[in-house]
PDB file of N, CA and C in Angstrom:
ATOM      1  N   UNK A   1      51.319  57.258 -49.811  1.00  0.00           N
ATOM      2  CA  UNK A   1      51.404  55.972 -51.032  1.00  0.00           C
ATOM      3  C   UNK A   1      52.230  54.769 -50.077  1.00  0.00           C
ATOM      4  N   UNK A   2      53.107  55.256 -49.253  1.00  0.00           N
ATOM      5  CA  UNK A   2      54.353  54.339 -48.690  1.00  0.00           C
ATOM      6  C   UNK A   2      53.645  53.486 -47.664  1.00  0.00           C
ATOM      7  N   UNK A   3      52.642  53.918 -47.059  1.00  0.00           N
ATOM      8  CA  UNK A   3      51.310  53.283 -46.149  1.00  0.00           C
ATOM      9  C   UNK A   3      50.958  52.196 -46.782  1.00  0.00           C
ATOM     10  N   UNK A   4      50.352  52.445 -47.972  1.00  0.00           N
ATOM     11  CA  UNK A   4      49.486  51.557 -48.690  1.00  0.00           C
ATOM     12  C   UNK A   4      50.397  50.154 -49.047  1.00  0.00           C
ATOM     13  N   UNK A   5      51.505  50.622 -49.692  1.00  0.00           N
ATOM     14  CA  UNK A   5      52.440  49.692 -49.922  1.00  0.00           C
ATOM     15  C   UNK A   5      53.105  48.945 -48.847  1.00  0.00           C
ATOM     16  N   UNK A   6      53.266  49.568 -47.766  1.00  0.00           N
ATOM     17  CA  UNK A   6      53.465  48.735 -46.713  1.00  0.00           C
ATOM     18  C   UNK A   6      52.322  47.500 -46.201  1.00  0.00           C
ATOM     19  N   UNK A   7      51.236  47.906 -46.498  1.00  0.00           N
ATOM     20  CA  UNK A   7      50.230  47.184 -46.153  1.00  0.00           C
ATOM     21  C   UNK A   7      50.184  45.993 -47.243  1.00  0.00           C
ATOM     22  N   UNK A   8      50.519  46.333 -48.283  1.00  0.00           N
ATOM     23  CA  UNK A   8      50.387  45.062 -49.258  1.00  0.00           C
ATOM     24  C   UNK A   8      51.634  44.053 -49.148  1.00  0.00           C
ATOM     25  N   UNK A   9      52.971  44.754 -48.648  1.00  0.00           N
ATOM     26  CA  UNK A   9      53.950  44.060 -48.281  1.00  0.00           C
ATOM     27  C   UNK A   9      53.909  43.108 -47.172  1.00  0.00           C
ATOM     28  N   UNK A  10      52.737  43.102 -46.577  1.00  0.00           N
ATOM     29  CA  UNK A  10      52.822  42.041 -45.355  1.00  0.00           C
ATOM     30  C   UNK A  10      52.528  40.776 -45.669  1.00  0.00           C
ATOM     31  N   UNK A  11      53.058  39.950 -44.933  1.00  0.00           N
ATOM     32  CA  UNK A  11      52.855  38.604 -45.187  1.00  0.00           C
ATOM     33  C   UNK A  11      51.539  38.067 -44.861  1.00  0.00           C
ATOM     34  N   UNK A  12      51.037  36.756 -45.437  1.00  0.00           N
ATOM     35  CA  UNK A  12      49.677  36.326 -45.131  1.00  0.00           C
ATOM     36  C   UNK A  12      49.347  35.887 -43.873  1.00  0.00           C
ATOM     37  N   UNK A  13      48.090  36.380 -43.176  1.00  0.00           N
ATOM     38  CA  UNK A  13      48.111  36.284 -41.525  1.00  0.00           C
ATOM     39  C   UNK A  13      46.240  36.097 -41.854  1.00  0.00           C
ATOM     40  N   UNK A  14      46.038  34.864 -41.642  1.00  0.00           N
ATOM     41  CA  UNK A  14      44.386  34.557 -41.562  1.00  0.00           C
ATOM     42  C   UNK A  14      43.601  35.184 -40.270  1.00  0.00           C
ATOM     43  N   UNK A  15      44.456  35.861 -39.348  1.00  0.00           N
ATOM     44  CA  UNK A  15      43.951  36.627 -38.250  1.00  0.00           C
ATOM     45  C   UNK A  15      43.762  37.916 -38.815  1.00  0.00           C
ATOM     46  N   UNK A  16      44.416  38.569 -39.735  1.00  0.00           N
ATOM     47  CA  UNK A  16      44.399  39.885 -39.957  1.00  0.00           C
ATOM     48  C   UNK A  16      44.593  40.082 -41.344  1.00  0.00           C
ATOM     49  N   UNK A  17      43.381  39.534 -42.128  1.00  0.00           N
ATOM     50  CA  UNK A  17      43.379  39.697 -43.697  1.00  0.00           C
ATOM     51  C   UNK A  17      43.416  41.007 -44.016  1.00  0.00           C
ATOM     52  N   UNK A  18      44.204  41.240 -45.241  1.00  0.00           N
ATOM     53  CA  UNK A  18      44.371  42.475 -46.118  1.00  0.00           C
ATOM     54  C   UNK A  18      43.160  42.249 -47.237  1.00  0.00           C
ATOM     55  N   UNK A  19      42.281  42.909 -47.094  1.00  0.00           N
ATOM     56  CA  UNK A  19      41.394  42.917 -48.099  1.00  0.00           C
ATOM     57  C   UNK A  19      41.075  44.112 -48.778  1.00  0.00           C
ATOM     58  N   UNK A  20      40.914  43.995 -50.522  1.00  0.00           N
ATOM     59  CA  UNK A  20      40.842  45.361 -50.948  1.00  0.00           C
ATOM     60  C   UNK A  20      39.525  45.388 -51.441  1.00  0.00           C
ATOM     61  N   UNK A  21      38.941  46.499 -51.522  1.00  0.00           N
ATOM     62  CA  UNK A  21      37.577  46.883 -51.922  1.00  0.00           C
ATOM     63  C   UNK A  21      37.427  47.813 -52.939  1.00  0.00           C
ATOM     64  N   UNK A  22      36.855  48.051 -53.925  1.00  0.00           N
ATOM     65  CA  UNK A  22      36.634  49.050 -54.728  1.00  0.00           C
ATOM     66  C   UNK A  22      35.210  48.611 -55.618  1.00  0.00           C
ATOM     67  N   UNK A  23      34.560  49.632 -56.067  1.00  0.00           N
ATOM     68  CA  UNK A  23      33.356  49.624 -56.528  1.00  0.00           C
ATOM     69  C   UNK A  23      33.391  50.277 -57.872  1.00  0.00           C
ATOM     70  N   UNK A  24      32.375  49.925 -58.796  1.00  0.00           N
ATOM     71  CA  UNK A  24      32.233  50.815 -60.155  1.00  0.00           C
ATOM     72  C   UNK A  24      30.975  50.735 -60.821  1.00  0.00           C
ATOM     73  N   UNK A  25      30.598  51.760 -61.180  1.00  0.00           N
ATOM     74  CA  UNK A  25      29.009  51.764 -61.813  1.00  0.00           C
ATOM     75  C   UNK A  25      29.235  50.926 -63.189  1.00  0.00           C
ATOM     76  N   UNK A  26      28.193  50.375 -63.576  1.00  0.00           N
ATOM     77  CA  UNK A  26      28.138  49.571 -64.770  1.00  0.00           C
ATOM     78  C   UNK A  26      26.829  49.766 -65.351  1.00  0.00           C
ATOM     79  N   UNK A  27      27.003  50.096 -66.626  1.00  0.00           N
ATOM     80  CA  UNK A  27      25.601  50.157 -67.449  1.00  0.00           C
ATOM     81  C   UNK A  27      25.325  49.057 -68.594  1.00  0.00           C
ATOM     82  N   UNK A  28      24.023  48.646 -68.767  1.00  0.00           N
ATOM     83  CA  UNK A  28      23.541  47.675 -69.167  1.00  0.00           C
ATOM     84  C   UNK A  28      23.114  48.274 -70.743  1.00  0.00           C
ATOM     85  N   UNK A  29      23.797  47.630 -71.831  1.00  0.00           N
ATOM     86  CA  UNK A  29      23.248  48.207 -72.977  1.00  0.00           C
ATOM     87  C   UNK A  29      22.884  47.160 -73.885  1.00  0.00           C
ATOM     88  N   UNK A  30      21.843  47.845 -74.508  1.00  0.00           N
ATOM     89  CA  UNK A  30      21.084  46.784 -75.574  1.00  0.00           C
ATOM     90  C   UNK A  30      21.610  47.193 -77.081  1.00  0.00           C
ATOM     91  N   UNK A  31      21.148  46.188 -77.995  1.00  0.00           N
ATOM     92  CA  UNK A  31      21.094  46.577 -79.408  1.00  0.00           C
ATOM     93  C   UNK A  31      20.202  47.310 -79.980  1.00  0.00           C
ATOM     94  N   UNK A  32      20.566  48.059 -80.941  1.00  0.00           N
ATOM     95  CA  UNK A  32      19.763  49.016 -81.772  1.00  0.00           C
ATOM     96  C   UNK A  32      19.513  48.258 -82.976  1.00  0.00           C
ATOM     97  N   UNK A  33      20.212  47.675 -83.733  1.00  0.00           N
ATOM     98  CA  UNK A  33      20.198  46.640 -84.824  1.00  0.00           C
ATOM     99  C   UNK A  33      20.755  45.230 -84.167  1.00  0.00           C
ATOM    100  N   UNK A  34      20.136  44.237 -84.815  1.00  0.00           N
ATOM    101  CA  UNK A  34      20.830  42.818 -84.312  1.00  0.00           C
ATOM    102  C   UNK A  34      22.094  42.745 -85.247  1.00  0.00           C
ATOM    103  N   UNK A  35      23.150  42.144 -84.354  1.00  0.00           N
ATOM    104  CA  UNK A  35      24.357  42.019 -84.473  1.00  0.00           C
ATOM    105  C   UNK A  35      24.310  40.858 -85.880  1.00  0.00           C
ATOM    106  N   UNK A  36      25.392  40.849 -86.995  1.00  0.00           N
ATOM    107  CA  UNK A  36      25.174  40.075 -88.102  1.00  0.00           C
ATOM    108  C   UNK A  36      26.334  38.942 -87.517  1.00  0.00           C
ATOM    109  N   UNK A  37      25.954  37.634 -87.273  1.00  0.00           N
ATOM    110  CA  UNK A  37      27.020  36.725 -86.969  1.00  0.00           C
ATOM    111  C   UNK A  37      28.274  36.682 -88.052  1.00  0.00           C
ATOM    112  N   UNK A  38      29.429  35.852 -87.437  1.00  0.00           N
ATOM    113  CA  UNK A  38      30.605  35.845 -88.545  1.00  0.00           C
ATOM    114  C   UNK A  38      30.031  34.759 -89.464  1.00  0.00           C
ATOM    115  N   UNK A  39      30.477  34.875 -90.694  1.00  0.00           N
ATOM    116  CA  UNK A  39      30.475  33.483 -91.810  1.00  0.00           C
ATOM    117  C   UNK A  39      31.758  33.465 -92.412  1.00  0.00           C
ATOM    118  N   UNK A  40      31.950  32.374 -93.108  1.00  0.00           N
ATOM    119  CA  UNK A  40      33.240  32.180 -93.533  1.00  0.00           C
ATOM    120  C   UNK A  40      33.583  33.516 -94.402  1.00  0.00           C
ATOM    121  N   UNK A  41      35.072  33.738 -94.200  1.00  0.00           N
ATOM    122  CA  UNK A  41      35.554  34.996 -94.763  1.00  0.00           C
ATOM    123  C   UNK A  41      34.853  36.210 -94.177  1.00  0.00           C
ATOM    124  N   UNK A  42      34.470  36.541 -93.318  1.00  0.00           N
ATOM    125  CA  UNK A  42      33.508  37.551 -92.904  1.00  0.00           C
ATOM    126  C   UNK A  42      33.574  37.717 -91.183  1.00  0.00           C
ATOM    127  N   UNK A  43      34.168  38.725 -90.815  1.00  0.00           N
ATOM    128  CA  UNK A  43      33.782  38.936 -89.278  1.00  0.00           C
ATOM    129  C   UNK A  43      32.189  39.228 -88.683  1.00  0.00           C
ATOM    130  N   UNK A  44      32.055  38.790 -87.648  1.00  0.00           N
ATOM    131  CA  UNK A  44      30.873  39.001 -86.987  1.00  0.00           C
ATOM    132  C   UNK A  44      30.707  40.582 -87.000  1.00  0.00           C
ATOM    133  N   UNK A  45      29.623  41.329 -87.396  1.00  0.00           N
ATOM    134  CA  UNK A  45      29.269  42.697 -87.130  1.00  0.00           C
ATOM    135  C   UNK A  45      28.336  43.222 -86.229  1.00  0.00           C
ATOM    136  N   UNK A  46      28.776  44.466 -85.677  1.00  0.00           N
ATOM    137  CA  UNK A  46      28.076  44.752 -84.438  1.00  0.00           C
ATOM    138  C   UNK A  46      27.929  46.396 -84.584  1.00  0.00           C
ATOM    139  N   UNK A  47      26.628  46.878 -84.598  1.00  0.00           N
ATOM    140  CA  UNK A  47      26.530  48.262 -85.006  1.00  0.00           C
ATOM    141  C   UNK A  47      26.988  49.050 -83.452  1.00  0.00           C
ATOM    142  N   UNK A  48      27.899  50.209 -83.605  1.00  0.00           N
ATOM    143  CA  UNK A  48      28.057  50.877 -82.651  1.00  0.00           C
ATOM    144  C   UNK A  48      26.868  51.794 -81.757  1.00  0.00           C
ATOM    145  N   UNK A  49      25.759  51.849 -82.571  1.00  0.00           N
ATOM    146  CA  UNK A  49      24.709  52.564 -81.707  1.00  0.00           C
ATOM    147  C   UNK A  49      24.225  51.614 -80.789  1.00  0.00           C
ATOM    148  N   UNK A  50      23.791  52.321 -79.524  1.00  0.00           N
ATOM    149  CA  UNK A  50      23.298  51.372 -78.408  1.00  0.00           C
ATOM    150  C   UNK A  50      22.037  51.911 -77.744  1.00  0.00           C
ATOM    151  N   UNK A  51      21.357  51.090 -77.208  1.00  0.00           N
ATOM    152  CA  UNK A  51      20.164  51.478 -76.273  1.00  0.00           C
ATOM    153  C   UNK A  51      20.761  51.623 -74.741  1.00  0.00           C
ATOM    154  N   UNK A  52      20.385  52.259 -73.839  1.00  0.00           N
ATOM    155  CA  UNK A  52      20.957  52.324 -72.560  1.00  0.00           C
ATOM    156  C   UNK A  52      19.804  51.525 -71.753  1.00  0.00           C
ATOM    157  N   UNK A  53      19.865  50.454 -71.059  1.00  0.00           N
ATOM    158  CA  UNK A  53      18.960  49.589 -70.269  1.00  0.00           C
ATOM    159  C   UNK A  53      19.313  49.774 -68.658  1.00  0.00           C
ATOM    160  N   UNK A  54      19.676  50.921 -68.345  1.00  0.00           N
ATOM    161  CA  UNK A  54      19.859  50.617 -66.945  1.00  0.00           C
ATOM    162  C   UNK A  54      21.183  50.853 -66.025  1.00  0.00           C
ATOM    163  N   UNK A  55      21.612  50.724 -65.137  1.00  0.00           N
ATOM    164  CA  UNK A  55      22.810  51.017 -64.450  1.00  0.00           C
ATOM    165  C   UNK A  55      23.050  50.129 -62.889  1.00  0.00           C
ATOM    166  N   UNK A  56      24.002  49.928 -62.704  1.00  0.00           N
ATOM    167  CA  UNK A  56      24.048  49.200 -61.418  1.00  0.00           C
ATOM    168  C   UNK A  56      25.585  49.316 -60.853  1.00  0.00           C
ATOM    169  N   UNK A  57      25.626  49.092 -59.713  1.00  0.00           N
ATOM    170  CA  UNK A  57      27.080  49.274 -59.243  1.00  0.00           C
ATOM    171  C   UNK A  57      27.743  47.995 -58.600  1.00  0.00           C
ATOM    172  N   UNK A  58      29.079  47.903 -59.152  1.00  0.00           N
ATOM    173  CA  UNK A  58      29.381  46.301 -58.500  1.00  0.00           C
ATOM    174  C   UNK A  58      30.492  46.482 -57.528  1.00  0.00           C
ATOM    175  N   UNK A  59      30.515  46.151 -56.613  1.00  0.00           N
ATOM    176  CA  UNK A  59      31.150  45.959 -55.294  1.00  0.00           C
ATOM    177  C   UNK A  59      32.007  44.536 -55.543  1.00  0.00           C
ATOM    178  N   UNK A  60      33.538  45.065 -55.168  1.00  0.00           N
ATOM    179  CA  UNK A  60      34.205  43.927 -55.736  1.00  0.00           C
ATOM    180  C   UNK A  60      35.132  44.005 -53.955  1.00  0.00           C
ATOM    181  N   UNK A  61      35.281  42.701 -53.522  1.00  0.00           N
ATOM    182  CA  UNK A  61      36.560  42.886 -52.431  1.00  0.00           C
ATOM    183  C   UNK A  61      36.916  41.253 -52.678  1.00  0.00           C
ATOM    184  N   UNK A  62      38.546  41.740 -52.257  1.00  0.00           N
ATOM    185  CA  UNK A  62      39.529  40.889 -53.026  1.00  0.00           C
ATOM    186  C   UNK A  62      40.496  40.809 -52.055  1.00  0.00           C
ATOM    187  N   UNK A  63      41.067  39.404 -51.533  1.00  0.00           N
ATOM    188  CA  UNK A  63      42.050  39.350 -50.408  1.00  0.00           C
ATOM    189  C   UNK A  63      43.196  38.461 -51.462  1.00  0.00           C
ATOM    190  N   UNK A  64      44.024  39.034 -52.055  1.00  0.00           N
ATOM    191  CA  UNK A  64      44.887  38.551 -52.966  1.00  0.00           C
ATOM    192  C   UNK A  64      45.743  37.359 -52.608  1.00  0.00           C
ATOM    193  N   UNK A  65      46.582  37.634 -51.238  1.00  0.00           N
ATOM    194  CA  UNK A  65      47.146  36.561 -50.743  1.00  0.00           C
ATOM    195  C   UNK A  65      46.384  35.225 -50.488  1.00  0.00           C
ATOM    196  N   UNK A  66      45.133  35.501 -50.466  1.00  0.00           N
ATOM    197  CA  UNK A  66      44.717  33.888 -50.243  1.00  0.00           C
ATOM    198  C   UNK A  66      43.811  33.650 -51.384  1.00  0.00           C
ATOM    199  N   UNK A  67      43.599  34.299 -52.375  1.00  0.00           N
ATOM    200  CA  UNK A  67      43.135  34.021 -53.892  1.00  0.00           C
ATOM    201  C   UNK A  67      41.379  34.009 -53.432  1.00  0.00           C
ATOM    202  N   UNK A  68      41.201  34.966 -52.596  1.00  0.00           N
ATOM    203  CA  UNK A  68      39.500  35.037 -52.240  1.00  0.00           C
ATOM    204  C   UNK A  68      38.722  36.424 -53.282  1.00  0.00           C
ATOM    205  N   UNK A  69      37.797  36.239 -53.712  1.00  0.00           N
ATOM    206  CA  UNK A  69      37.004  37.349 -53.698  1.00  0.00           C
ATOM    207  C   UNK A  69      35.629  37.518 -54.004  1.00  0.00           C
ATOM    208  N   UNK A  70      34.833  38.532 -53.620  1.00  0.00           N
ATOM    209  CA  UNK A  70      33.677  38.553 -53.828  1.00  0.00           C
ATOM    210  C   UNK A  70      33.032  39.755 -54.492  1.00  0.00           C
ATOM    211  N   UNK A  71      32.229  39.548 -55.446  1.00  0.00           N
ATOM    212  CA  UNK A  71      31.666  40.558 -56.402  1.00  0.00           C
ATOM    213  C   UNK A  71      29.931  40.522 -56.229  1.00  0.00           C
ATOM    214  N   UNK A  72      29.378  41.820 -55.968  1.00  0.00           N
ATOM    215  CA  UNK A  72      27.913  42.025 -55.459  1.00  0.00           C
ATOM    216  C   UNK A  72      27.517  42.820 -56.451  1.00  0.00           C
ATOM    217  N   UNK A  73      26.441  42.819 -57.046  1.00  0.00           N
ATOM    218  CA  UNK A  73      25.721  43.972 -57.762  1.00  0.00           C
ATOM    219  C   UNK A  73      24.680  44.505 -57.224  1.00  0.00           C
ATOM    220  N   UNK A  74      24.329  46.023 -57.081  1.00  0.00           N
ATOM    221  CA  UNK A  74      23.325  46.322 -56.561  1.00  0.00           C
ATOM    222  C   UNK A  74      22.959  47.588 -57.584  1.00  0.00           C
ATOM    223  N   UNK A  75      21.527  47.750 -57.386  1.00  0.00           N
ATOM    224  CA  UNK A  75      20.924  48.789 -58.559  1.00  0.00           C
ATOM    225  C   UNK A  75      21.528  50.000 -58.262  1.00  0.00           C
ATOM    226  N   UNK A  76      22.030  50.413 -57.030  1.00  0.00           N
ATOM    227  CA  UNK A  76      22.396  51.853 -56.604  1.00  0.00           C
ATOM    228  C   UNK A  76      23.789  51.852 -55.794  1.00  0.00           C
ATOM    229  N   UNK A  77      24.621  52.889 -55.524  1.00  0.00           N
ATOM    230  CA  UNK A  77      25.532  52.826 -54.681  1.00  0.00           C
ATOM    231  C   UNK A  77      25.320  54.138 -53.659  1.00  0.00           C
ATOM    232  N   UNK A  78      24.996  53.624 -52.282  1.00  0.00           N
ATOM    233  CA  UNK A  78      24.533  54.667 -51.396  1.00  0.00           C
ATOM    234  C   UNK A  78      25.370  54.212 -50.138  1.00  0.00           C
ATOM    235  N   UNK A  79      25.655  55.191 -49.261  1.00  0.00           N
ATOM    236  CA  UNK A  79      26.369  55.058 -47.946  1.00  0.00           C
ATOM    237  C   UNK A  79      25.849  53.591 -47.210  1.00  0.00           C
ATOM    238  N   UNK A  80      24.204  53.603 -47.171  1.00  0.00           N
ATOM    239  CA  UNK A  80      23.921  52.393 -46.477  1.00  0.00           C
ATOM    240  C   UNK A  80      23.965  51.095 -47.442  1.00  0.00           C
ATOM    241  N   UNK A  81      24.630  51.373 -48.519  1.00  0.00           N
ATOM    242  CA  UNK A  81      24.796  49.922 -49.607  1.00  0.00           C
ATOM    243  C   UNK A  81      26.179  49.295 -49.226  1.00  0.00           C
ATOM    244  N   UNK A  82      26.893  50.482 -49.291  1.00  0.00           N
ATOM    245  CA  UNK A  82      28.426  50.180 -48.529  1.00  0.00           C
ATOM    246  C   UNK A  82      28.458  49.833 -47.083  1.00  0.00           C
ATOM    247  N   UNK A  83      27.871  50.477 -46.463  1.00  0.00           N
ATOM    248  CA  UNK A  83      27.561  49.785 -44.937  1.00  0.00           C
ATOM    249  C   UNK A  83      27.114  48.338 -44.812  1.00  0.00           C
ATOM    250  N   UNK A  84      25.888  47.993 -45.605  1.00  0.00           N
ATOM    251  CA  UNK A  84      25.918  46.567 -45.800  1.00  0.00           C
ATOM    252  C   UNK A  84      26.722  45.811 -46.223  1.00  0.00           C
ATOM    253  N   UNK A  85      27.590  46.190 -47.356  1.00  0.00           N
ATOM    254  CA  UNK A  85      28.829  45.304 -47.771  1.00  0.00           C
ATOM    255  C   UNK A  85      29.878  45.105 -47.040  1.00  0.00           C
ATOM    256  N   UNK A  86      30.228  46.052 -46.178  1.00  0.00           N
ATOM    257  CA  UNK A  86      31.037  45.958 -45.163  1.00  0.00           C
ATOM    258  C   UNK A  86      30.897  44.925 -43.950  1.00  0.00           C
ATOM    259  N   UNK A  87      29.649  44.937 -43.656  1.00  0.00           N
ATOM    260  CA  UNK A  87      29.016  44.407 -42.707  1.00  0.00           C
ATOM    261  C   UNK A  87      29.060  42.722 -43.023  1.00  0.00           C
ATOM    262  N   UNK A  88      28.560  42.545 -44.132  1.00  0.00           N
ATOM    263  CA  UNK A  88      28.596  41.152 -44.815  1.00  0.00           C
ATOM    264  C   UNK A  88      30.339  40.547 -44.771  1.00  0.00           C
ATOM    265  N   UNK A  89      31.060  41.586 -44.892  1.00  0.00           N
ATOM    266  CA  UNK A  89      32.533  41.304 -45.110  1.00  0.00           C
ATOM    267  C   UNK A  89      32.789  40.797 -43.507  1.00  0.00           C
ATOM    268  N   UNK A  90      32.772  41.494 -42.577  1.00  0.00           N
ATOM    269  CA  UNK A  90      33.195  41.457 -41.158  1.00  0.00           C
ATOM    270  C   UNK A  90      32.256  40.054 -40.344  1.00  0.00           C
ATOM    271  N   UNK A  91      30.981  40.105 -40.855  1.00  0.00           N
ATOM    272  CA  UNK A  91      30.183  39.292 -40.220  1.00  0.00           C
ATOM    273  C   UNK A  91      30.012  37.652 -40.953  1.00  0.00           C
ATOM    274  N   UNK A  92      30.131  37.755 -42.488  1.00  0.00           N
ATOM    275  CA  UNK A  92      29.797  36.354 -43.496  1.00  0.00           C
ATOM    276  C   UNK A  92      31.265  36.072 -43.769  1.00  0.00           C
ATOM    277  N   UNK A  93      31.913  36.863 -44.254  1.00  0.00           N
ATOM    278  CA  UNK A  93      33.134  36.422 -45.377  1.00  0.00           C
ATOM    279  C   UNK A  93      34.376  36.134 -44.216  1.00  0.00           C
ATOM    280  N   UNK A  94      34.354  37.041 -43.088  1.00  0.00           N
ATOM    281  CA  UNK A  94      35.635  36.992 -42.230  1.00  0.00           C
ATOM    282  C   UNK A  94      35.015  36.504 -40.832  1.00  0.00           C
ATOM    283  N   UNK A  95      33.999  35.972 -40.268  1.00  0.00           N
ATOM    284  CA  UNK A  95      33.687  36.356 -38.785  1.00  0.00           C
ATOM    285  C   UNK A  95      34.629  35.978 -37.919  1.00  0.00           C
ATOM    286  N   UNK A  96      35.659  35.120 -38.106  1.00  0.00           N
ATOM    287  CA  UNK A  96      36.772  34.983 -37.184  1.00  0.00           C
ATOM    288  C   UNK A  96      37.993  35.480 -37.201  1.00  0.00           C
ATOM    289  N   UNK A  97      38.043  36.475 -38.067  1.00  0.00           N
ATOM    290  CA  UNK A  97      39.151  37.105 -37.861  1.00  0.00           C
ATOM    291  C   UNK A  97      39.415  37.939 -36.824  1.00  0.00           C
ATOM    292  N   UNK A  98      40.332  38.379 -36.163  1.00  0.00           N
ATOM    293  CA  UNK A  98      40.752  39.489 -35.058  1.00  0.00           C
ATOM    294  C   UNK A  98      40.620  41.096 -35.611  1.00  0.00           C
ATOM    295  N   UNK A  99      40.980  41.027 -36.870  1.00  0.00           N
ATOM    296  CA  UNK A  99      41.017  42.496 -37.829  1.00  0.00           C
ATOM    297  C   UNK A  99      41.002  42.298 -39.148  1.00  0.00           C
ATOM    298  N   UNK A 100      40.325  42.831 -39.832  1.00  0.00           N
ATOM    299  CA  UNK A 100      40.184  42.760 -41.102  1.00  0.00           C
ATOM    300  C   UNK A 100      41.131  44.349 -41.602  1.00  0.00           C
ATOM    301  N   UNK A 101      41.728  43.957 -42.254  1.00  0.00           N
ATOM    302  CA  UNK A 101      42.659  45.520 -43.002  1.00  0.00           C
ATOM    303  C   UNK A 101      41.931  45.772 -44.284  1.00  0.00           C
ATOM    304  N   UNK A 102      41.242  46.628 -44.415  1.00  0.00           N
ATOM    305  CA  UNK A 102      40.373  47.040 -45.310  1.00  0.00           C
ATOM    306  C   UNK A 102      40.965  48.129 -46.115  1.00  0.00           C
ATOM    307  N   UNK A 103      41.229  47.824 -47.456  1.00  0.00           N
ATOM    308  CA  UNK A 103      42.106  49.002 -48.210  1.00  0.00           C
ATOM    309  C   UNK A 103      41.072  49.303 -49.289  1.00  0.00           C
ATOM    310  N   UNK A 104      40.653  50.829 -49.393  1.00  0.00           N
ATOM    311  CA  UNK A 104      39.541  51.090 -50.255  1.00  0.00           C
ATOM    312  C   UNK A 104      40.080  52.526 -50.787  1.00  0.00           C
ATOM    313  N   UNK A 105      39.516  53.201 -51.686  1.00  0.00           N
ATOM    314  CA  UNK A 105      39.505  54.548 -52.077  1.00  0.00           C
ATOM    315  C   UNK A 105      38.612  55.629 -50.756  1.00  0.00           C
ATOM    316  N   UNK A 106      38.682  56.725 -51.684  1.00  0.00           N
ATOM    317  CA  UNK A 106      38.321  57.639 -50.512  1.00  0.00           C
ATOM    318  C   UNK A 106      36.940  58.573 -50.994  1.00  0.00           C
ATOM    319  N   UNK A 107      35.830  57.531 -51.812  1.00  0.00           N
ATOM    320  CA  UNK A 107      34.734  57.739 -51.950  1.00  0.00           C
ATOM    321  C   UNK A 107      34.310  58.155 -50.822  1.00  0.00           C
ATOM    322  N   UNK A 108      33.112  59.359 -51.080  1.00  0.00           N
ATOM    323  CA  UNK A 108      32.351  59.864 -50.130  1.00  0.00           C
ATOM    324  C   UNK A 108      31.633  58.985 -49.289  1.00  0.00           C
ATOM    325  N   UNK A 109      31.335  57.856 -49.858  1.00  0.00           N
ATOM    326  CA  UNK A 109      30.177  56.980 -49.209  1.00  0.00           C
ATOM    327  C   UNK A 109      31.045  55.921 -48.085  1.00  0.00           C
ATOM    328  N   UNK A 110      32.301  55.975 -48.251  1.00  0.00           N
ATOM    329  CA  UNK A 110      33.431  55.002 -47.575  1.00  0.00           C
ATOM    330  C   UNK A 110      33.725  55.721 -46.386  1.00  0.00           C
ATOM    331  N   UNK A 111      32.929  55.991 -45.443  1.00  0.00           N
ATOM    332  CA  UNK A 111      33.380  56.555 -44.571  1.00  0.00           C
ATOM    333  C   UNK A 111      32.642  55.834 -43.164  1.00  0.00           C
ATOM    334  N   UNK A 112      33.537  55.918 -41.910  1.00  0.00           N
ATOM    335  CA  UNK A 112      33.014  55.745 -40.683  1.00  0.00           C
ATOM    336  C   UNK A 112      31.473  55.928 -40.347  1.00  0.00           C
ATOM    337  N   UNK A 113      31.141  57.399 -40.932  1.00  0.00           N
ATOM    338  CA  UNK A 113      29.807  57.864 -40.738  1.00  0.00           C
ATOM    339  C   UNK A 113      28.468  57.205 -41.483  1.00  0.00           C
ATOM    340  N   UNK A 114      29.083  56.338 -42.510  1.00  0.00           N
ATOM    341  CA  UNK A 114      28.019  55.740 -43.213  1.00  0.00           C
ATOM    342  C   UNK A 114      27.492  54.329 -42.295  1.00  0.00           C
ATOM    343  N   UNK A 115      28.703  53.928 -41.397  1.00  0.00           N
ATOM    344  CA  UNK A 115      28.230  52.614 -40.661  1.00  0.00           C
ATOM    345  C   UNK A 115      27.225  53.171 -39.617  1.00  0.00           C
ATOM    346  N   UNK A 116      27.534  54.367 -38.802  1.00  0.00           N
ATOM    347  CA  UNK A 116      26.915  54.760 -38.064  1.00  0.00           C
ATOM    348  C   UNK A 116      25.116  55.337 -38.271  1.00  0.00           C
ATOM    349  N   UNK A 117      25.212  55.650 -39.779  1.00  0.00           N
ATOM    350  CA  UNK A 117      23.829  56.003 -40.380  1.00  0.00           C
ATOM    351  C   UNK A 117      23.207  54.654 -40.645  1.00  0.00           C
ATOM    352  N   UNK A 118      23.902  53.682 -40.672  1.00  0.00           N
ATOM    353  CA  UNK A 118      23.061  52.210 -41.106  1.00  0.00           C
ATOM    354  C   UNK A 118      22.681  51.687 -40.078  1.00  0.00           C
ATOM    355  N   UNK A 119      23.586  51.544 -38.969  1.00  0.00           N
ATOM    356  CA  UNK A 119      23.727  50.849 -37.970  1.00  0.00           C
ATOM    357  C   UNK A 119      23.228  51.567 -36.491  1.00  0.00           C
ATOM    358  N   UNK A 120      22.900  50.591 -35.600  1.00  0.00           N
ATOM    359  CA  UNK A 120      23.137  51.280 -34.163  1.00  0.00           C
ATOM    360  C   UNK A 120      24.518  51.721 -33.682  1.00  0.00           C
ATOM    361  N   UNK A 121      24.980  52.416 -32.697  1.00  0.00           N
ATOM    362  CA  UNK A 121      25.839  52.834 -32.459  1.00  0.00           C
ATOM    363  C   UNK A 121      26.815  51.592 -32.163  1.00  0.00           C
ATOM    364  N   UNK A 122      26.416  50.708 -31.152  1.00  0.00           N
ATOM    365  CA  UNK A 122      27.405  49.689 -30.838  1.00  0.00           C
ATOM    366  C   UNK A 122      27.696  48.858 -32.009  1.00  0.00           C
ATOM    367  N   UNK A 123      26.638  48.399 -32.919  1.00  0.00           N
ATOM    368  CA  UNK A 123      27.025  47.596 -34.018  1.00  0.00           C
ATOM    369  C   UNK A 123      28.158  48.232 -35.010  1.00  0.00           C
ATOM    370  N   UNK A 124      27.807  49.614 -35.340  1.00  0.00           N
ATOM    371  CA  UNK A 124      28.636  50.603 -35.979  1.00  0.00           C
ATOM    372  C   UNK A 124      29.850  50.225 -35.307  1.00  0.00           C
ATOM    373  N   UNK A 125      30.312  50.830 -34.467  1.00  0.00           N
ATOM    374  CA  UNK A 125      31.349  50.641 -33.815  1.00  0.00           C
ATOM    375  C   UNK A 125      32.166  49.302 -33.845  1.00  0.00           C
TER     376      UNK A 125
END
């Protein structure tokens, strides 16, 4: 834990940005019954019953010291999806950085092996 805190305590360095990454599943919900709008003297009403209309995975990248973020929604979350997001981070978002310090959790798709699964070895490296 101290290692992560030390990374967060670093001063801003555009050549070595500290980028935090997380992802979360998100489900799309629809109404079973039409909500009733608010009226004078009465709050809006919404039934707790819902219809599930699918899911997606939301990838979020943030560099707090720069005030930058990128959010990207995909239909699923696979090792190839994560690898493509990392590639965009390095080639589009930070093409001139010497090193990008990426802080992320230990989800099974967040591994160097995912990069080698998605790309040729020289590119994955």
